[in-house]
Amino acid sequence: MLQNMKTVLVFGTFDLLHPGHKYFLKQAKKLGNFLIVVVAREQTVKKIKGFKPTQTERERKNNLKKNNYVDRVVMGNLKNPYYIIKKIKPDIIALGYDQNSFTANLPQALKTLQLTPKIIRLKPFFPDRFKTSIIKNT
């Protein structure tokens, strides 16, 4: 049975978990049997987006743990964004429709790590309504 097990890996900030995030997680879970979510560290978010998330790392992690589609939640690595991929060796990496951080070099990084997961870009869910930046400003 374990041989047919497909591990799906997703990354994100998941600040103020909203219907867009839940749709993303639902889509990702449908791709395999075991969904692992990597939560972006506060420092990483600040570096990429220019501001810290509204919620702490612990709050974001705990909110994800309560989601039925999520099997495991881990924190991102501060030094190497690809470290967790090497450690987990997923069958599939699912990316959000607007996810750009660390994705441009992802195929090359995977090649260097000698890993061959399928990379799938997921569809948005009403991105004009369910996006953390929009929700924060309402």
N, C-alpha and C. Protein backbone atom coordinates (compact mmCIF):
# COMPACT_ATOMS: atom_id res chain seq x y z
N MET A 1 0.81 -1.20 0.00
CA MET A 1 0.00 0.00 0.00
C MET A 1 0.85 1.26 0.00
N LEU A 2 1.93 1.27 0.76
CA LEU A 2 2.77 2.45 0.83
C LEU A 2 3.36 2.84 -0.52
N GLN A 3 3.53 1.88 -1.40
CA GLN A 3 4.09 2.17 -2.71
C GLN A 3 3.17 3.06 -3.53
N ASN A 4 1.87 2.96 -3.31
CA ASN A 4 0.90 3.78 -4.05
C ASN A 4 0.63 5.12 -3.38
N MET A 5 1.26 5.34 -2.25
CA MET A 5 1.06 6.57 -1.49
C MET A 5 1.71 7.74 -2.24
N LYS A 6 0.91 8.77 -2.48
CA LYS A 6 1.43 9.97 -3.15
C LYS A 6 1.44 11.12 -2.17
N THR A 7 2.62 11.68 -1.96
CA THR A 7 2.78 12.81 -1.05
C THR A 7 2.76 14.11 -1.85
N VAL A 8 1.91 15.02 -1.40
CA VAL A 8 1.78 16.33 -2.03
C VAL A 8 2.34 17.36 -1.04
N LEU A 9 3.15 18.28 -1.57
CA LEU A 9 3.76 19.31 -0.75
C LEU A 9 3.31 20.68 -1.25
N VAL A 10 2.87 21.53 -0.32
CA VAL A 10 2.50 22.90 -0.67
C VAL A 10 3.21 23.86 0.28
N PHE A 11 3.37 25.09 -0.18
CA PHE A 11 4.04 26.13 0.60
C PHE A 11 3.15 27.35 0.66
N GLY A 12 3.25 28.11 1.74
CA GLY A 12 2.51 29.36 1.80
C GLY A 12 2.62 30.03 3.15
N THR A 13 2.09 31.24 3.20
CA THR A 13 2.05 32.00 4.44
C THR A 13 0.83 31.59 5.25
N PHE A 14 -0.30 31.46 4.58
CA PHE A 14 -1.56 31.04 5.18
C PHE A 14 -1.96 31.95 6.35
N ASP A 15 -1.82 33.25 6.12
CA ASP A 15 -2.21 34.25 7.11
C ASP A 15 -3.71 34.46 6.98
N LEU A 16 -4.41 34.49 8.10
CA LEU A 16 -5.86 34.66 8.10
C LEU A 16 -6.51 33.64 7.16
N LEU A 17 -6.41 32.39 7.51
CA LEU A 17 -6.90 31.27 6.69
C LEU A 17 -8.33 31.56 6.20
N HIS A 18 -8.48 31.65 4.89
CA HIS A 18 -9.75 32.05 4.28
C HIS A 18 -10.19 31.03 3.22
N PRO A 19 -11.39 31.21 2.63
CA PRO A 19 -11.89 30.24 1.65
C PRO A 19 -10.94 30.00 0.46
N GLY A 20 -10.17 30.99 0.07
CA GLY A 20 -9.19 30.79 -1.01
C GLY A 20 -8.12 29.79 -0.61
N HIS A 21 -7.63 29.91 0.62
CA HIS A 21 -6.65 28.95 1.14
C HIS A 21 -7.26 27.56 1.23
N LYS A 22 -8.49 27.49 1.73
CA LYS A 22 -9.15 26.19 1.91
C LYS A 22 -9.37 25.49 0.56
N TYR A 23 -9.72 26.26 -0.46
CA TYR A 23 -9.89 25.71 -1.80
C TYR A 23 -8.55 25.20 -2.33
N PHE A 24 -7.49 25.96 -2.09
CA PHE A 24 -6.14 25.58 -2.48
C PHE A 24 -5.76 24.25 -1.83
N LEU A 25 -6.01 24.11 -0.54
CA LEU A 25 -5.67 22.89 0.18
C LEU A 25 -6.51 21.71 -0.31
N LYS A 26 -7.77 21.95 -0.60
CA LYS A 26 -8.66 20.91 -1.11
C LYS A 26 -8.16 20.40 -2.47
N GLN A 27 -7.79 21.34 -3.36
CA GLN A 27 -7.25 20.95 -4.67
C GLN A 27 -5.98 20.13 -4.52
N ALA A 28 -5.10 20.59 -3.63
CA ALA A 28 -3.81 19.91 -3.42
C ALA A 28 -4.03 18.50 -2.89
N LYS A 29 -4.94 18.35 -1.95
CA LYS A 29 -5.21 17.03 -1.35
C LYS A 29 -5.73 16.04 -2.39
N LYS A 30 -6.49 16.52 -3.35
CA LYS A 30 -7.03 15.65 -4.40
C LYS A 30 -5.93 15.06 -5.29
N LEU A 31 -4.75 15.65 -5.26
CA LEU A 31 -3.64 15.20 -6.10
C LEU A 31 -2.92 13.97 -5.53
N GLY A 32 -3.14 13.69 -4.26
CA GLY A 32 -2.45 12.57 -3.64
C GLY A 32 -3.16 12.07 -2.40
N ASN A 33 -2.43 11.29 -1.59
CA ASN A 33 -3.01 10.70 -0.38
C ASN A 33 -2.60 11.45 0.89
N PHE A 34 -1.46 12.12 0.84
CA PHE A 34 -0.89 12.71 2.05
C PHE A 34 -0.44 14.14 1.73
N LEU A 35 -1.07 15.11 2.39
CA LEU A 35 -0.77 16.52 2.13
C LEU A 35 0.06 17.12 3.26
N ILE A 36 1.23 17.60 2.88
CA ILE A 36 2.12 18.27 3.83
C ILE A 36 2.16 19.75 3.47
N VAL A 37 1.91 20.60 4.46
CA VAL A 37 1.91 22.04 4.26
C VAL A 37 3.14 22.64 4.93
N VAL A 38 3.90 23.42 4.16
CA VAL A 38 5.05 24.13 4.69
C VAL A 38 4.62 25.58 4.92
N VAL A 39 4.70 26.00 6.18
CA VAL A 39 4.30 27.36 6.56
C VAL A 39 5.52 28.27 6.51
N ALA A 40 5.37 29.38 5.79
CA ALA A 40 6.46 30.34 5.67
C ALA A 40 6.77 30.97 7.03
N ARG A 41 8.05 31.11 7.30
CA ARG A 41 8.50 31.74 8.55
C ARG A 41 8.27 33.24 8.48
N GLU A 42 8.08 33.87 9.62
CA GLU A 42 7.85 35.32 9.67
C GLU A 42 8.95 36.09 8.96
N GLN A 43 10.21 35.71 9.22
CA GLN A 43 11.35 36.38 8.59
C GLN A 43 11.30 36.27 7.07
N THR A 44 10.93 35.10 6.58
CA THR A 44 10.85 34.88 5.14
C THR A 44 9.76 35.74 4.52
N VAL A 45 8.60 35.79 5.17
CA VAL A 45 7.49 36.59 4.68
C VAL A 45 7.89 38.06 4.63
N LYS A 46 8.53 38.53 5.70
CA LYS A 46 8.95 39.94 5.76
C LYS A 46 9.93 40.25 4.62
N LYS A 47 10.84 39.33 4.37
CA LYS A 47 11.84 39.51 3.31
C LYS A 47 11.18 39.56 1.93
N ILE A 48 10.21 38.68 1.70
CA ILE A 48 9.57 38.58 0.38
C ILE A 48 8.49 39.64 0.18
N LYS A 49 7.61 39.80 1.16
CA LYS A 49 6.46 40.70 1.00
C LYS A 49 6.69 42.11 1.56
N GLY A 50 7.72 42.24 2.40
CA GLY A 50 8.01 43.55 2.97
C GLY A 50 7.29 43.83 4.27
N PHE A 51 6.52 42.87 4.76
CA PHE A 51 5.81 43.03 6.04
C PHE A 51 5.60 41.67 6.67
N LYS A 52 5.42 41.67 7.99
CA LYS A 52 5.17 40.42 8.71
C LYS A 52 3.70 40.03 8.58
N PRO A 53 3.41 38.74 8.68
CA PRO A 53 2.02 38.29 8.66
C PRO A 53 1.26 38.84 9.87
N THR A 54 -0.04 38.91 9.77
CA THR A 54 -0.89 39.36 10.88
C THR A 54 -0.81 38.37 12.03
N GLN A 55 -0.82 37.09 11.70
CA GLN A 55 -0.78 36.04 12.71
C GLN A 55 0.64 35.51 12.90
N THR A 56 0.90 35.00 14.10
CA THR A 56 2.21 34.43 14.39
C THR A 56 2.38 33.10 13.65
N GLU A 57 3.59 32.62 13.61
CA GLU A 57 3.87 31.31 13.00
C GLU A 57 3.04 30.22 13.68
N ARG A 58 2.99 30.26 14.99
CA ARG A 58 2.26 29.25 15.75
C ARG A 58 0.76 29.28 15.43
N GLU A 59 0.18 30.49 15.35
CA GLU A 59 -1.25 30.60 15.04
C GLU A 59 -1.53 30.06 13.64
N ARG A 60 -0.70 30.40 12.68
CA ARG A 60 -0.91 29.94 11.31
C ARG A 60 -0.77 28.41 11.23
N LYS A 61 0.23 27.88 11.91
CA LYS A 61 0.45 26.43 11.93
C LYS A 61 -0.74 25.71 12.58
N ASN A 62 -1.20 26.22 13.72
CA ASN A 62 -2.33 25.60 14.42
C ASN A 62 -3.62 25.66 13.62
N ASN A 63 -3.85 26.76 12.91
CA ASN A 63 -5.04 26.86 12.06
C ASN A 63 -5.02 25.82 10.95
N LEU A 64 -3.86 25.59 10.38
CA LEU A 64 -3.73 24.59 9.32
C LEU A 64 -3.92 23.17 9.85
N LYS A 65 -3.44 22.93 11.05
CA LYS A 65 -3.58 21.59 11.65
C LYS A 65 -5.05 21.21 11.82
N LYS A 66 -5.92 22.19 11.97
CA LYS A 66 -7.36 21.95 12.15
C LYS A 66 -8.06 21.66 10.82
N ASN A 67 -7.40 21.89 9.70
CA ASN A 67 -8.01 21.70 8.39
C ASN A 67 -8.04 20.21 8.04
N ASN A 68 -9.19 19.73 7.60
CA ASN A 68 -9.37 18.30 7.30
C ASN A 68 -8.52 17.78 6.15
N TYR A 69 -8.10 18.64 5.25
CA TYR A 69 -7.32 18.18 4.10
C TYR A 69 -5.84 18.01 4.43
N VAL A 70 -5.40 18.65 5.49
CA VAL A 70 -3.98 18.68 5.85
C VAL A 70 -3.61 17.50 6.74
N ASP A 71 -2.57 16.76 6.32
CA ASP A 71 -2.10 15.62 7.10
C ASP A 71 -0.94 15.98 8.01
N ARG A 72 -0.13 16.94 7.58
CA ARG A 72 1.04 17.33 8.38
C ARG A 72 1.39 18.78 8.08
N VAL A 73 1.82 19.51 9.10
CA VAL A 73 2.23 20.90 8.94
C VAL A 73 3.66 21.04 9.46
N VAL A 74 4.52 21.64 8.66
CA VAL A 74 5.91 21.88 9.06
C VAL A 74 6.26 23.34 8.80
N MET A 75 7.24 23.82 9.52
CA MET A 75 7.70 25.19 9.31
C MET A 75 8.78 25.21 8.23
N GLY A 76 8.80 26.28 7.45
CA GLY A 76 9.82 26.43 6.42
C GLY A 76 11.20 26.56 7.04
N ASN A 77 12.21 26.34 6.23
CA ASN A 77 13.60 26.45 6.67
C ASN A 77 14.10 27.86 6.40
N LEU A 78 14.68 28.49 7.39
CA LEU A 78 15.14 29.88 7.23
C LEU A 78 16.34 30.03 6.32
N LYS A 79 17.19 29.01 6.27
CA LYS A 79 18.42 29.14 5.49
C LYS A 79 18.28 28.69 4.03
N ASN A 80 17.51 27.63 3.82
CA ASN A 80 17.41 27.06 2.48
C ASN A 80 15.95 26.68 2.19
N PRO A 81 15.30 27.43 1.28
CA PRO A 81 13.89 27.14 0.99
C PRO A 81 13.66 25.76 0.38
N TYR A 82 14.70 25.16 -0.19
CA TYR A 82 14.54 23.86 -0.84
C TYR A 82 14.88 22.69 0.09
N TYR A 83 15.37 22.99 1.30
CA TYR A 83 15.75 21.95 2.25
C TYR A 83 14.61 20.99 2.55
N ILE A 84 13.44 21.54 2.77
CA ILE A 84 12.28 20.73 3.14
C ILE A 84 11.88 19.77 2.00
N ILE A 85 12.08 20.22 0.76
CA ILE A 85 11.77 19.36 -0.39
C ILE A 85 12.73 18.16 -0.40
N LYS A 86 13.99 18.44 -0.12
CA LYS A 86 14.99 17.37 -0.08
C LYS A 86 14.66 16.38 1.03
N LYS A 87 14.22 16.89 2.16
CA LYS A 87 13.91 16.05 3.32
C LYS A 87 12.66 15.20 3.07
N ILE A 88 11.62 15.79 2.49
CA ILE A 88 10.34 15.10 2.33
C ILE A 88 10.28 14.25 1.05
N LYS A 89 10.94 14.70 0.00
CA LYS A 89 10.93 13.99 -1.29
C LYS A 89 9.49 13.74 -1.78
N PRO A 90 8.73 14.82 -1.99
CA PRO A 90 7.33 14.66 -2.40
C PRO A 90 7.19 14.12 -3.82
N ASP A 91 6.04 13.53 -4.08
CA ASP A 91 5.72 13.08 -5.44
C ASP A 91 5.23 14.26 -6.27
N ILE A 92 4.56 15.19 -5.58
CA ILE A 92 3.96 16.35 -6.26
C ILE A 92 4.21 17.60 -5.42
N ILE A 93 4.54 18.69 -6.10
CA ILE A 93 4.60 20.00 -5.47
C ILE A 93 3.49 20.81 -6.12
N ALA A 94 2.54 21.25 -5.30
CA ALA A 94 1.42 22.05 -5.80
C ALA A 94 1.67 23.51 -5.45
N LEU A 95 1.58 24.36 -6.46
CA LEU A 95 1.83 25.79 -6.28
C LEU A 95 0.53 26.56 -6.43
N GLY A 96 0.41 27.63 -5.68
CA GLY A 96 -0.74 28.51 -5.81
C GLY A 96 -0.69 29.26 -7.12
N TYR A 97 -1.83 29.72 -7.60
CA TYR A 97 -1.91 30.41 -8.88
C TYR A 97 -1.04 31.66 -8.92
N ASP A 98 -0.82 32.29 -7.76
CA ASP A 98 -0.05 33.53 -7.71
C ASP A 98 1.28 33.36 -6.98
N GLN A 99 1.70 32.13 -6.77
CA GLN A 99 2.91 31.86 -6.01
C GLN A 99 4.13 32.04 -6.90
N ASN A 100 4.98 33.01 -6.54
CA ASN A 100 6.16 33.32 -7.33
C ASN A 100 7.46 33.11 -6.58
N SER A 101 7.41 33.16 -5.26
CA SER A 101 8.63 33.03 -4.46
C SER A 101 9.23 31.64 -4.61
N PHE A 102 10.50 31.61 -4.94
CA PHE A 102 11.28 30.38 -5.07
C PHE A 102 10.80 29.45 -6.19
N THR A 103 9.87 29.89 -7.02
CA THR A 103 9.36 29.00 -8.06
C THR A 103 10.16 29.09 -9.36
N ALA A 104 10.76 30.23 -9.65
CA ALA A 104 11.52 30.40 -10.89
C ALA A 104 12.69 29.42 -10.95
N ASN A 105 13.35 29.21 -9.83
CA ASN A 105 14.50 28.31 -9.79
C ASN A 105 14.15 26.89 -9.34
N LEU A 106 12.86 26.64 -9.14
CA LEU A 106 12.44 25.34 -8.61
C LEU A 106 12.86 24.16 -9.50
N PRO A 107 12.62 24.20 -10.81
CA PRO A 107 13.04 23.04 -11.63
C PRO A 107 14.55 22.76 -11.54
N GLN A 108 15.36 23.82 -11.53
CA GLN A 108 16.81 23.65 -11.44
C GLN A 108 17.20 23.12 -10.06
N ALA A 109 16.56 23.64 -9.02
CA ALA A 109 16.85 23.18 -7.66
C ALA A 109 16.51 21.69 -7.51
N LEU A 110 15.38 21.28 -8.09
CA LEU A 110 14.98 19.87 -8.03
C LEU A 110 15.98 18.99 -8.76
N LYS A 111 16.45 19.47 -9.90
CA LYS A 111 17.44 18.73 -10.68
C LYS A 111 18.72 18.55 -9.87
N THR A 112 19.16 19.63 -9.22
CA THR A 112 20.35 19.59 -8.38
C THR A 112 20.17 18.60 -7.23
N LEU A 113 18.97 18.56 -6.67
CA LEU A 113 18.67 17.64 -5.56
C LEU A 113 18.40 16.21 -6.05
N GLN A 114 18.39 16.05 -7.36
CA GLN A 114 18.10 14.75 -8.00
C GLN A 114 16.72 14.24 -7.60
N LEU A 115 15.75 15.17 -7.61
CA LEU A 115 14.37 14.83 -7.31
C LEU A 115 13.51 15.14 -8.53
N THR A 116 12.45 14.37 -8.69
CA THR A 116 11.60 14.56 -9.88
C THR A 116 10.11 14.64 -9.55
N PRO A 117 9.74 15.46 -8.57
CA PRO A 117 8.30 15.57 -8.31
C PRO A 117 7.62 16.31 -9.46
N LYS A 118 6.35 16.01 -9.64
CA LYS A 118 5.55 16.73 -10.62
C LYS A 118 5.21 18.09 -10.01
N ILE A 119 5.32 19.15 -10.80
CA ILE A 119 4.96 20.49 -10.32
C ILE A 119 3.63 20.86 -10.96
N ILE A 120 2.66 21.17 -10.12
CA ILE A 120 1.32 21.50 -10.61
C ILE A 120 0.90 22.87 -10.07
N ARG A 121 0.46 23.73 -10.97
CA ARG A 121 -0.03 25.06 -10.59
C ARG A 121 -1.54 24.95 -10.41
N LEU A 122 -2.03 25.29 -9.22
CA LEU A 122 -3.45 25.16 -8.91
C LEU A 122 -4.24 26.40 -9.32
N LYS A 123 -5.54 26.23 -9.41
CA LYS A 123 -6.43 27.31 -9.87
C LYS A 123 -6.86 28.20 -8.70
N PRO A 124 -7.13 29.48 -8.99
CA PRO A 124 -7.59 30.38 -7.93
C PRO A 124 -9.06 30.17 -7.59
N PHE A 125 -9.47 30.68 -6.45
CA PHE A 125 -10.85 30.63 -6.01
C PHE A 125 -11.28 32.06 -5.71
N PHE A 126 -11.99 32.67 -6.64
CA PHE A 126 -12.43 34.06 -6.50
C PHE A 126 -11.31 34.95 -5.96
N PRO A 127 -10.20 35.07 -6.71
CA PRO A 127 -9.05 35.83 -6.22
C PRO A 127 -9.32 37.31 -5.98
N ASP A 128 -10.40 37.82 -6.56
CA ASP A 128 -10.75 39.22 -6.33
C ASP A 128 -11.42 39.41 -4.96
N ARG A 129 -11.82 38.30 -4.32
CA ARG A 129 -12.45 38.37 -2.99
C ARG A 129 -11.63 37.68 -1.92
N PHE A 130 -11.08 36.51 -2.26
CA PHE A 130 -10.38 35.71 -1.25
C PHE A 130 -8.88 35.72 -1.48
N LYS A 131 -8.28 36.78 -1.04
CA LYS A 131 -6.84 36.96 -1.07
C LYS A 131 -6.51 37.69 0.23
N THR A 132 -5.52 37.24 0.95
CA THR A 132 -5.23 37.80 2.28
C THR A 132 -5.08 39.31 2.22
N SER A 133 -4.39 39.83 1.21
CA SER A 133 -4.17 41.28 1.12
C SER A 133 -5.49 42.05 1.00
N ILE A 134 -6.48 41.45 0.33
CA ILE A 134 -7.80 42.09 0.20
C ILE A 134 -8.56 41.97 1.51
N ILE A 135 -8.54 40.79 2.11
CA ILE A 135 -9.26 40.54 3.35
C ILE A 135 -8.73 41.43 4.49
N LYS A 136 -7.42 41.63 4.54
CA LYS A 136 -6.82 42.48 5.58
C LYS A 136 -7.31 43.92 5.48
N ASN A 137 -7.62 44.37 4.28
CA ASN A 137 -8.00 45.76 4.06
C ASN A 137 -9.51 45.99 4.11
N THR A 138 -10.28 44.97 4.45
CA THR A 138 -11.74 45.17 4.52
C THR A 138 -12.22 45.24 5.95
